[in-house]
Amino acid sequence: MKKAIQFLSGALMVAIFMMSSIAATAQTTKDEFLSKWQNSKQFTIDVLNKMPDSGMDYKTDPAAMSFKEQIHHIGTAITGISQGFLKGSDPGFTIDLATASKADLADYIAKCYDYGTSTIKALSDADAGETIEVFGNNVSRRQVMALLMDHSTHHRGAAIAYLRVEGAEPPAYVGF
């Protein structure tokens, strides 16, 4: 009997240890993600606002996206991926990049991030954990959320390099 109790106690301790280590390495919660997402929104708008109007069409190479196309691409990806993979409905807004002012583009980006926020908030925990096919990969919707953040960071980083070439000082980075 004593050995059975020791075995069960040991098994319980192992189970508790495993569960706590899994919890310690879990991805961020939805609330933590959305807090960082709001920082991403503001940082993207700050990067846009730092570019002089004369640099909005700047390209590093003829085949590359211009500065304004980089910023626009962040927004269109947020809405497209959110609608296609995060159960979002029609966002209900668009922009004509050819005629858009910097203020129009800033408004569009804010709407795109807000659309992403509302789409993510509407996902249940079960929906967020569901595995779906995305670009030929089987991933959870939580991983799609991470993709949105990574993609935004990637293109914003390119836009920051464009700022420097144009002689503009990038805004200070805010991590949390």
Protein backbone atom coordinates (compact mmCIF):
# COMPACT_ATOMS: atom_id res chain seq x y z
CA MET A 1 0.00 0.00 0.00
CA LYS A 2 2.82 2.37 0.89
CA LYS A 3 4.45 1.74 -2.52
CA ALA A 4 1.17 2.44 -4.30
CA ILE A 5 0.78 5.76 -2.47
CA GLN A 6 4.39 6.68 -3.24
CA PHE A 7 3.86 5.77 -6.91
CA LEU A 8 0.65 7.82 -7.13
CA SER A 9 2.29 10.76 -5.34
CA GLY A 10 5.24 10.61 -7.71
CA ALA A 11 2.98 10.38 -10.75
CA LEU A 12 0.97 13.36 -9.49
CA MET A 13 4.16 15.39 -9.00
CA VAL A 14 5.33 14.53 -12.53
CA ALA A 15 1.93 15.51 -13.96
CA ILE A 16 1.97 18.83 -12.08
CA PHE A 17 5.51 19.53 -13.26
CA MET A 18 4.60 18.75 -16.88
CA MET A 19 1.49 20.93 -16.80
CA SER A 20 3.36 23.86 -15.26
CA SER A 21 6.17 23.60 -17.81
CA ILE A 22 3.63 23.55 -20.65
CA ALA A 23 1.91 26.63 -19.19
CA ALA A 24 5.24 28.41 -18.85
CA THR A 25 6.05 27.89 -22.52
CA ALA A 26 2.60 28.60 -23.95
CA GLN A 27 2.17 31.32 -26.54
CA THR A 28 0.83 34.65 -25.45
CA THR A 29 -2.80 35.04 -24.55
CA LYS A 30 -5.21 36.83 -26.84
CA ASP A 31 -5.18 39.88 -24.53
CA GLU A 32 -1.38 39.98 -24.53
CA PHE A 33 -1.35 39.66 -28.32
CA LEU A 34 -3.90 42.44 -28.75
CA SER A 35 -1.95 44.77 -26.48
CA LYS A 36 1.15 44.27 -28.64
CA TRP A 37 -1.05 44.57 -31.75
CA GLN A 38 -2.13 48.06 -30.66
CA ASN A 39 1.55 49.01 -30.33
CA SER A 40 2.15 47.64 -33.83
CA LYS A 41 -0.70 49.79 -35.16
CA GLN A 42 0.65 52.96 -33.60
CA PHE A 43 4.24 52.21 -34.62
CA THR A 44 3.17 51.64 -38.23
CA ILE A 45 1.29 54.94 -38.30
CA ASP A 46 4.27 56.69 -36.68
CA VAL A 47 6.60 55.27 -39.37
CA LEU A 48 4.21 56.47 -42.08
CA ASN A 49 3.99 59.94 -40.57
CA LYS A 50 7.79 60.27 -40.41
CA MET A 51 8.18 59.94 -44.19
CA PRO A 52 8.28 63.30 -45.98
CA ASP A 53 5.66 63.58 -48.72
CA SER A 54 8.51 63.66 -51.24
CA GLY A 55 9.54 60.14 -50.18
CA MET A 56 6.17 58.38 -50.38
CA ASP A 57 6.96 56.94 -53.83
CA TYR A 58 10.58 56.05 -53.01
CA LYS A 59 11.70 52.54 -54.07
CA THR A 60 14.98 50.84 -53.26
CA ASP A 61 14.84 49.15 -56.67
CA PRO A 62 12.50 49.45 -59.68
CA ALA A 63 11.08 45.99 -58.88
CA ALA A 64 10.53 46.80 -55.18
CA MET A 65 7.43 48.22 -53.54
CA SER A 66 7.48 51.94 -52.89
CA PHE A 67 7.32 53.23 -49.31
CA LYS A 68 3.58 53.87 -49.57
CA GLU A 69 3.09 50.43 -51.15
CA GLN A 70 4.94 48.80 -48.23
CA ILE A 71 2.60 50.53 -45.76
CA HIS A 72 -0.48 49.76 -47.87
CA HIS A 73 0.59 46.11 -48.15
CA ILE A 74 0.62 45.82 -44.36
CA GLY A 75 -3.03 46.88 -44.27
CA THR A 76 -4.24 44.78 -47.18
CA ALA A 77 -2.56 41.71 -45.70
CA ILE A 78 -4.20 42.31 -42.32
CA THR A 79 -7.65 42.53 -43.87
CA GLY A 80 -7.13 39.74 -46.41
CA ILE A 81 -5.65 37.24 -43.96
CA SER A 82 -8.16 38.14 -41.23
CA GLN A 83 -11.05 37.72 -43.62
CA GLY A 84 -9.71 34.57 -45.25
CA PHE A 85 -8.37 32.68 -42.22
CA LEU A 86 -9.66 34.30 -39.02
CA LYS A 87 -13.37 34.18 -39.88
CA GLY A 88 -13.61 37.91 -40.61
CA SER A 89 -16.49 39.37 -42.57
CA ASP A 90 -16.16 41.96 -45.33
CA PRO A 91 -14.14 44.81 -43.81
CA GLY A 92 -16.34 47.36 -45.58
CA PHE A 93 -13.57 49.78 -46.60
CA THR A 94 -10.92 50.15 -49.29
CA ILE A 95 -8.49 52.78 -50.48
CA ASP A 96 -7.32 53.95 -53.89
CA LEU A 97 -3.59 54.07 -53.26
CA ALA A 98 -2.90 56.04 -56.45
CA THR A 99 -4.88 59.04 -55.22
CA ALA A 100 -4.57 58.59 -51.44
CA SER A 101 -2.87 61.24 -49.32
CA LYS A 102 -0.63 60.33 -46.40
CA ALA A 103 -3.56 61.11 -44.07
CA ASP A 104 -5.83 58.83 -46.13
CA LEU A 105 -3.25 56.04 -45.88
CA ALA A 106 -2.89 56.54 -42.11
CA ASP A 107 -6.67 56.31 -41.73
CA TYR A 108 -6.73 53.16 -43.87
CA ILE A 109 -3.96 51.51 -41.81
CA ALA A 110 -5.78 52.35 -38.57
CA LYS A 111 -8.97 50.79 -39.96
CA CYS A 112 -7.06 47.67 -41.07
CA TYR A 113 -5.52 47.16 -37.62
CA ASP A 114 -8.92 47.82 -35.97
CA TYR A 115 -10.51 45.28 -38.31
CA GLY A 116 -7.83 42.77 -37.35
CA THR A 117 -8.51 43.51 -33.68
CA SER A 118 -12.26 42.96 -33.97
CA THR A 119 -11.76 39.78 -35.99
CA ILE A 120 -9.31 38.36 -33.44
CA LYS A 121 -11.53 39.33 -30.51
CA ALA A 122 -14.46 37.53 -32.12
CA LEU A 123 -12.57 34.21 -32.27
CA SER A 124 -13.50 31.75 -29.55
CA ASP A 125 -10.67 29.82 -27.90
CA ALA A 126 -11.81 26.76 -29.85
CA ASP A 127 -11.73 28.72 -33.14
CA ALA A 128 -8.26 30.09 -32.33
CA GLY A 129 -6.97 26.58 -31.69
CA GLU A 130 -8.55 25.03 -34.77
CA THR A 131 -6.07 23.78 -37.37
CA ILE A 132 -6.73 25.04 -40.89
CA GLU A 133 -4.84 25.04 -44.19
CA VAL A 134 -3.08 28.33 -44.87
CA PHE A 135 -0.85 28.76 -47.91
CA GLY A 136 -0.28 24.99 -48.07
CA ASN A 137 0.45 24.58 -44.34
CA ASN A 138 -1.72 23.13 -41.58
CA VAL A 139 -1.63 25.66 -38.75
CA SER A 140 -3.82 26.94 -35.96
CA ARG A 141 -5.55 30.28 -36.19
CA ARG A 142 -3.28 31.38 -33.30
CA GLN A 143 -0.37 30.79 -35.65
CA VAL A 144 -2.14 32.92 -38.26
CA MET A 145 -2.32 35.70 -35.67
CA ALA A 146 1.45 35.38 -35.19
CA LEU A 147 1.86 35.49 -38.97
CA LEU A 148 -0.03 38.80 -39.06
CA MET A 149 2.35 40.28 -36.49
CA ASP A 150 5.46 38.91 -38.23
CA HIS A 151 4.29 40.13 -41.63
CA SER A 152 3.52 43.61 -40.33
CA THR A 153 6.90 43.79 -38.62
CA HIS A 154 8.69 42.64 -41.77
CA HIS A 155 7.18 45.29 -44.03
CA ARG A 156 7.36 48.03 -41.41
CA GLY A 157 11.06 47.22 -41.04
CA ALA A 158 11.52 47.67 -44.79
CA ALA A 159 9.66 50.98 -44.55
CA ILE A 160 12.02 52.10 -41.76
CA ALA A 161 14.98 51.46 -44.06
CA TYR A 162 13.27 53.66 -46.66
CA LEU A 163 12.93 56.42 -44.04
CA ARG A 164 16.64 56.36 -43.37
CA VAL A 165 17.49 56.58 -47.07
CA GLU A 166 15.22 59.61 -47.34
CA GLY A 167 17.01 61.22 -44.38
CA ALA A 168 14.08 60.86 -41.96
CA GLU A 169 14.64 59.75 -38.39
CA PRO A 170 12.50 56.68 -37.60
CA PRO A 171 10.27 56.80 -34.54
CA ALA A 172 11.57 55.16 -31.38
CA TYR A 173 10.70 51.49 -31.05
CA VAL A 174 8.17 50.55 -28.38
CA GLY A 175 8.35 46.88 -27.41
CA PHE A 176 5.40 46.52 -25.05
